Amino acid sequence: MSVIADTCVWTVYLNQSRSNRPESVSLLDRLVKANEVIYIPGLVYQEVLQGIKSPAVRDEVAQALQQFYWLDATADHFREAPELYCMAKSKGFSIGTIDCLIAAQCIATGSYLLTDDKDFDGLVKCSKLKLLPRISPHYSYFLAAGSRV
């Protein structure tokens, strides 16, 4: 299994506070500890780092993110993203440009998307995008006692 964690999950995960974390962040923590394949798309990396004001903390976070698999956006991803956008729009769903590119990368790599962003809900209904945790029934499997995560 491979996962792409969205910016909203990474920003909470990287926050030192361990209290009141959403289930998605707890799942990311378990996936990291289980050495699962976790991709970091370049745009997610950029969004995470540009939200950090301190250069020292930004460098520290950049170093920490190097343990994960870098995912470059390819020409195929850029061709698929507007198709996903138009498909979602034709079905009455709204989703942003960057989210479509991240979704295209998830679909191309066969990865689950770990996000708390509800903008992806419509896209999962009209594409091959697989979400954890809110929509996918696989979420309970990964959190179940005795699972390998």
C-alpha atoms as a PDB file:
ATOM      1  CA  MET A   1       0.000   0.000   0.000  1.00  0.00           C
ATOM      2  CA  SER A   2       1.146   3.526  -0.693  1.00  0.00           C
ATOM      3  CA  VAL A   3      -0.233   6.804   0.604  1.00  0.00           C
ATOM      4  CA  ILE A   4      -0.037  10.458  -0.315  1.00  0.00           C
ATOM      5  CA  ALA A   5      -0.761  12.645   2.695  1.00  0.00           C
ATOM      6  CA  ASP A   6      -2.265  16.027   1.874  1.00  0.00           C
ATOM      7  CA  THR A   7      -0.889  19.295   3.219  1.00  0.00           C
ATOM      8  CA  CYS A   8      -3.630  19.615   5.842  1.00  0.00           C
ATOM      9  CA  VAL A   9      -2.543  16.321   7.417  1.00  0.00           C
ATOM     10  CA  TRP A  10       1.193  17.086   7.281  1.00  0.00           C
ATOM     11  CA  THR A  11       0.835  20.489   8.946  1.00  0.00           C
ATOM     12  CA  VAL A  12      -0.918  18.975  11.963  1.00  0.00           C
ATOM     13  CA  TYR A  13       1.374  15.920  11.998  1.00  0.00           C
ATOM     14  CA  LEU A  14       4.490  18.093  12.087  1.00  0.00           C
ATOM     15  CA  ASN A  15       3.105  20.225  14.912  1.00  0.00           C
ATOM     16  CA  GLN A  16       4.736  19.092  18.144  1.00  0.00           C
ATOM     17  CA  SER A  17       1.408  19.001  20.005  1.00  0.00           C
ATOM     18  CA  ARG A  18       0.146  15.441  20.375  1.00  0.00           C
ATOM     19  CA  SER A  19      -3.231  16.322  21.879  1.00  0.00           C
ATOM     20  CA  ASN A  20      -6.497  16.649  19.971  1.00  0.00           C
ATOM     21  CA  ARG A  21      -5.077  15.255  16.741  1.00  0.00           C
ATOM     22  CA  PRO A  22      -7.531  14.185  14.041  1.00  0.00           C
ATOM     23  CA  GLU A  23      -7.732  10.480  13.218  1.00  0.00           C
ATOM     24  CA  SER A  24      -6.015  11.124   9.895  1.00  0.00           C
ATOM     25  CA  VAL A  25      -2.911  12.370  11.709  1.00  0.00           C
ATOM     26  CA  SER A  26      -2.916   9.360  14.039  1.00  0.00           C
ATOM     27  CA  LEU A  27      -3.128   7.132  10.994  1.00  0.00           C
ATOM     28  CA  LEU A  28      -0.211   8.946   9.323  1.00  0.00           C
ATOM     29  CA  ASP A  29       1.801   8.437  12.499  1.00  0.00           C
ATOM     30  CA  ARG A  30       1.059   4.700  12.403  1.00  0.00           C
ATOM     31  CA  LEU A  31       1.891   4.482   8.694  1.00  0.00           C
ATOM     32  CA  VAL A  32       5.235   6.213   9.299  1.00  0.00           C
ATOM     33  CA  LYS A  33       6.079   3.881  12.191  1.00  0.00           C
ATOM     34  CA  ALA A  34       5.134   0.875  10.022  1.00  0.00           C
ATOM     35  CA  ASN A  35       7.493   2.066   7.253  1.00  0.00           C
ATOM     36  CA  GLU A  36       4.703   2.204   4.672  1.00  0.00           C
ATOM     37  CA  VAL A  37       5.377   3.904   1.340  1.00  0.00           C
ATOM     38  CA  ILE A  38       4.456   7.553   1.817  1.00  0.00           C
ATOM     39  CA  TYR A  39       4.881   9.906  -1.118  1.00  0.00           C
ATOM     40  CA  ILE A  40       5.414  13.645  -0.824  1.00  0.00           C
ATOM     41  CA  PRO A  41       4.350  15.477  -3.992  1.00  0.00           C
ATOM     42  CA  GLY A  42       6.430  18.567  -4.687  1.00  0.00           C
ATOM     43  CA  LEU A  43       3.427  20.865  -4.283  1.00  0.00           C
ATOM     44  CA  VAL A  44       2.581  19.397  -0.864  1.00  0.00           C
ATOM     45  CA  TYR A  45       6.213  19.814   0.181  1.00  0.00           C
ATOM     46  CA  GLN A  46       6.106  23.449  -0.952  1.00  0.00           C
ATOM     47  CA  GLU A  47       2.792  24.160   0.795  1.00  0.00           C
ATOM     48  CA  VAL A  48       4.043  22.655   4.056  1.00  0.00           C
ATOM     49  CA  LEU A  49       7.316  24.595   4.023  1.00  0.00           C
ATOM     50  CA  GLN A  50       5.900  27.931   2.882  1.00  0.00           C
ATOM     51  CA  GLY A  51       3.632  27.938   5.927  1.00  0.00           C
ATOM     52  CA  ILE A  52       6.644  27.971   8.275  1.00  0.00           C
ATOM     53  CA  LYS A  53       7.969  31.437   9.083  1.00  0.00           C
ATOM     54  CA  SER A  54      11.228  30.489  10.802  1.00  0.00           C
ATOM     55  CA  PRO A  55      14.074  29.533   8.436  1.00  0.00           C
ATOM     56  CA  ALA A  56      15.559  27.230  11.089  1.00  0.00           C
ATOM     57  CA  VAL A  57      12.279  25.380  11.604  1.00  0.00           C
ATOM     58  CA  ARG A  58      11.723  25.264   7.838  1.00  0.00           C
ATOM     59  CA  ASP A  59      15.132  23.612   7.420  1.00  0.00           C
ATOM     60  CA  GLU A  60      14.364  21.147  10.205  1.00  0.00           C
ATOM     61  CA  VAL A  61      11.028  20.174   8.648  1.00  0.00           C
ATOM     62  CA  ALA A  62      12.591  19.915   5.167  1.00  0.00           C
ATOM     63  CA  GLN A  63      15.161  17.521   6.628  1.00  0.00           C
ATOM     64  CA  ALA A  64      12.460  15.442   8.345  1.00  0.00           C
ATOM     65  CA  LEU A  65      10.460  15.141   5.116  1.00  0.00           C
ATOM     66  CA  GLN A  66      13.460  13.663   3.282  1.00  0.00           C
ATOM     67  CA  GLN A  67      12.733  10.242   4.774  1.00  0.00           C
ATOM     68  CA  PHE A  68       9.657   9.966   2.552  1.00  0.00           C
ATOM     69  CA  TYR A  69       9.402   9.265  -1.174  1.00  0.00           C
ATOM     70  CA  TRP A  70       9.550  12.372  -3.361  1.00  0.00           C
ATOM     71  CA  LEU A  71       6.926  12.443  -6.106  1.00  0.00           C
ATOM     72  CA  ASP A  72       7.558  14.706  -9.072  1.00  0.00           C
ATOM     73  CA  ALA A  73       4.588  15.854 -11.118  1.00  0.00           C
ATOM     74  CA  THR A  74       4.934  14.462 -14.619  1.00  0.00           C
ATOM     75  CA  ALA A  75       3.458  15.623 -17.903  1.00  0.00           C
ATOM     76  CA  ASP A  76       0.890  12.812 -17.562  1.00  0.00           C
ATOM     77  CA  HIS A  77      -0.174  14.137 -14.147  1.00  0.00           C
ATOM     78  CA  PHE A  78      -0.574  17.619 -15.596  1.00  0.00           C
ATOM     79  CA  ARG A  79      -2.662  16.207 -18.472  1.00  0.00           C
ATOM     80  CA  GLU A  80      -4.876  14.189 -16.098  1.00  0.00           C
ATOM     81  CA  ALA A  81      -5.486  17.016 -13.598  1.00  0.00           C
ATOM     82  CA  PRO A  82      -7.682  19.177 -15.886  1.00  0.00           C
ATOM     83  CA  GLU A  83      -9.605  16.060 -16.925  1.00  0.00           C
ATOM     84  CA  LEU A  84     -10.365  15.400 -13.257  1.00  0.00           C
ATOM     85  CA  TYR A  85     -11.305  19.042 -12.740  1.00  0.00           C
ATOM     86  CA  CYS A  86     -13.713  19.041 -15.696  1.00  0.00           C
ATOM     87  CA  MET A  87     -15.190  15.680 -14.717  1.00  0.00           C
ATOM     88  CA  ALA A  88     -15.855  16.898 -11.173  1.00  0.00           C
ATOM     89  CA  LYS A  89     -17.274  20.193 -12.390  1.00  0.00           C
ATOM     90  CA  SER A  90     -19.608  18.403 -14.846  1.00  0.00           C
ATOM     91  CA  LYS A  91     -20.973  16.405 -11.912  1.00  0.00           C
ATOM     92  CA  GLY A  92     -21.516  19.556  -9.859  1.00  0.00           C
ATOM     93  CA  PHE A  93     -18.470  19.162  -7.593  1.00  0.00           C
ATOM     94  CA  SER A  94     -15.957  21.908  -6.862  1.00  0.00           C
ATOM     95  CA  ILE A  95     -12.239  21.188  -6.487  1.00  0.00           C
ATOM     96  CA  GLY A  96      -9.122  23.315  -6.791  1.00  0.00           C
ATOM     97  CA  THR A  97      -6.337  23.136  -9.340  1.00  0.00           C
ATOM     98  CA  ILE A  98      -3.636  21.888  -6.964  1.00  0.00           C
ATOM     99  CA  ASP A  99      -6.016  19.321  -5.477  1.00  0.00           C
ATOM    100  CA  CYS A 100      -6.653  17.955  -8.975  1.00  0.00           C
ATOM    101  CA  LEU A 101      -2.921  17.565  -9.545  1.00  0.00           C
ATOM    102  CA  ILE A 102      -2.516  15.741  -6.211  1.00  0.00           C
ATOM    103  CA  ALA A 103      -5.479  13.514  -7.106  1.00  0.00           C
ATOM    104  CA  ALA A 104      -3.913  12.748 -10.499  1.00  0.00           C
ATOM    105  CA  GLN A 105      -0.717  11.712  -8.737  1.00  0.00           C
ATOM    106  CA  CYS A 106      -2.664   9.455  -6.359  1.00  0.00           C
ATOM    107  CA  ILE A 107      -4.486   7.773  -9.212  1.00  0.00           C
ATOM    108  CA  ALA A 108      -1.321   7.328 -11.287  1.00  0.00           C
ATOM    109  CA  THR A 109       0.610   5.735  -8.416  1.00  0.00           C
ATOM    110  CA  GLY A 110      -2.342   3.731  -7.093  1.00  0.00           C
ATOM    111  CA  SER A 111      -1.940   5.508  -3.760  1.00  0.00           C
ATOM    112  CA  TYR A 112      -4.569   6.322  -1.193  1.00  0.00           C
ATOM    113  CA  LEU A 113      -4.991  10.000  -0.373  1.00  0.00           C
ATOM    114  CA  LEU A 114      -4.930  10.792   3.327  1.00  0.00           C
ATOM    115  CA  THR A 115      -6.719  14.106   3.811  1.00  0.00           C
ATOM    116  CA  ASP A 116      -9.271  15.932   5.901  1.00  0.00           C
ATOM    117  CA  ASP A 117     -10.103  18.253   2.997  1.00  0.00           C
ATOM    118  CA  LYS A 118     -13.721  17.668   1.989  1.00  0.00           C
ATOM    119  CA  ASP A 119     -13.068  19.146  -1.465  1.00  0.00           C
ATOM    120  CA  PHE A 120     -11.895  15.681  -2.526  1.00  0.00           C
ATOM    121  CA  ASP A 121     -15.234  14.031  -1.637  1.00  0.00           C
ATOM    122  CA  GLY A 122     -16.858  14.851  -4.960  1.00  0.00           C
ATOM    123  CA  LEU A 123     -13.845  13.760  -6.950  1.00  0.00           C
ATOM    124  CA  VAL A 124     -13.775  10.354  -5.304  1.00  0.00           C
ATOM    125  CA  LYS A 125     -17.379   9.843  -6.479  1.00  0.00           C
ATOM    126  CA  CYS A 126     -16.527  10.405 -10.136  1.00  0.00           C
ATOM    127  CA  SER A 127     -12.938   9.129 -10.501  1.00  0.00           C
ATOM    128  CA  LYS A 128     -10.596   6.369  -9.383  1.00  0.00           C
ATOM    129  CA  LEU A 129      -9.306   8.423  -6.451  1.00  0.00           C
ATOM    130  CA  LYS A 130      -9.115   6.387  -3.210  1.00  0.00           C
ATOM    131  CA  LEU A 131      -9.397   8.283   0.072  1.00  0.00           C
ATOM    132  CA  LEU A 132      -8.412   7.488   3.618  1.00  0.00           C
ATOM    133  CA  PRO A 133      -9.932   7.976   6.136  1.00  0.00           C
ATOM    134  CA  ARG A 134     -13.327   9.577   5.798  1.00  0.00           C
ATOM    135  CA  ILE A 135     -14.767   7.804   2.771  1.00  0.00           C
ATOM    136  CA  SER A 136     -12.739   4.659   2.361  1.00  0.00           C
ATOM    137  CA  PRO A 137     -13.881   1.591   4.302  1.00  0.00           C
ATOM    138  CA  HIS A 138     -10.186   0.661   4.480  1.00  0.00           C
ATOM    139  CA  TYR A 139      -9.631   3.239   7.207  1.00  0.00           C
ATOM    140  CA  SER A 140     -11.160   1.088   9.922  1.00  0.00           C
ATOM    141  CA  TYR A 141      -8.983  -1.805   8.739  1.00  0.00           C
ATOM    142  CA  PHE A 142      -5.813   0.219   9.200  1.00  0.00           C
ATOM    143  CA  LEU A 143      -6.830   1.337  12.687  1.00  0.00           C
ATOM    144  CA  ALA A 144      -8.171  -2.055  13.770  1.00  0.00           C
ATOM    145  CA  ALA A 145      -6.391  -3.818  16.579  1.00  0.00           C
ATOM    146  CA  GLY A 146      -4.028  -6.378  15.198  1.00  0.00           C
ATOM    147  CA  SER A 147      -3.555  -4.738  11.816  1.00  0.00           C
ATOM    148  CA  ARG A 148       0.023  -4.316  10.724  1.00  0.00           C
ATOM    149  CA  VAL A 149      -0.216  -0.534  10.906  1.00  0.00           C
END
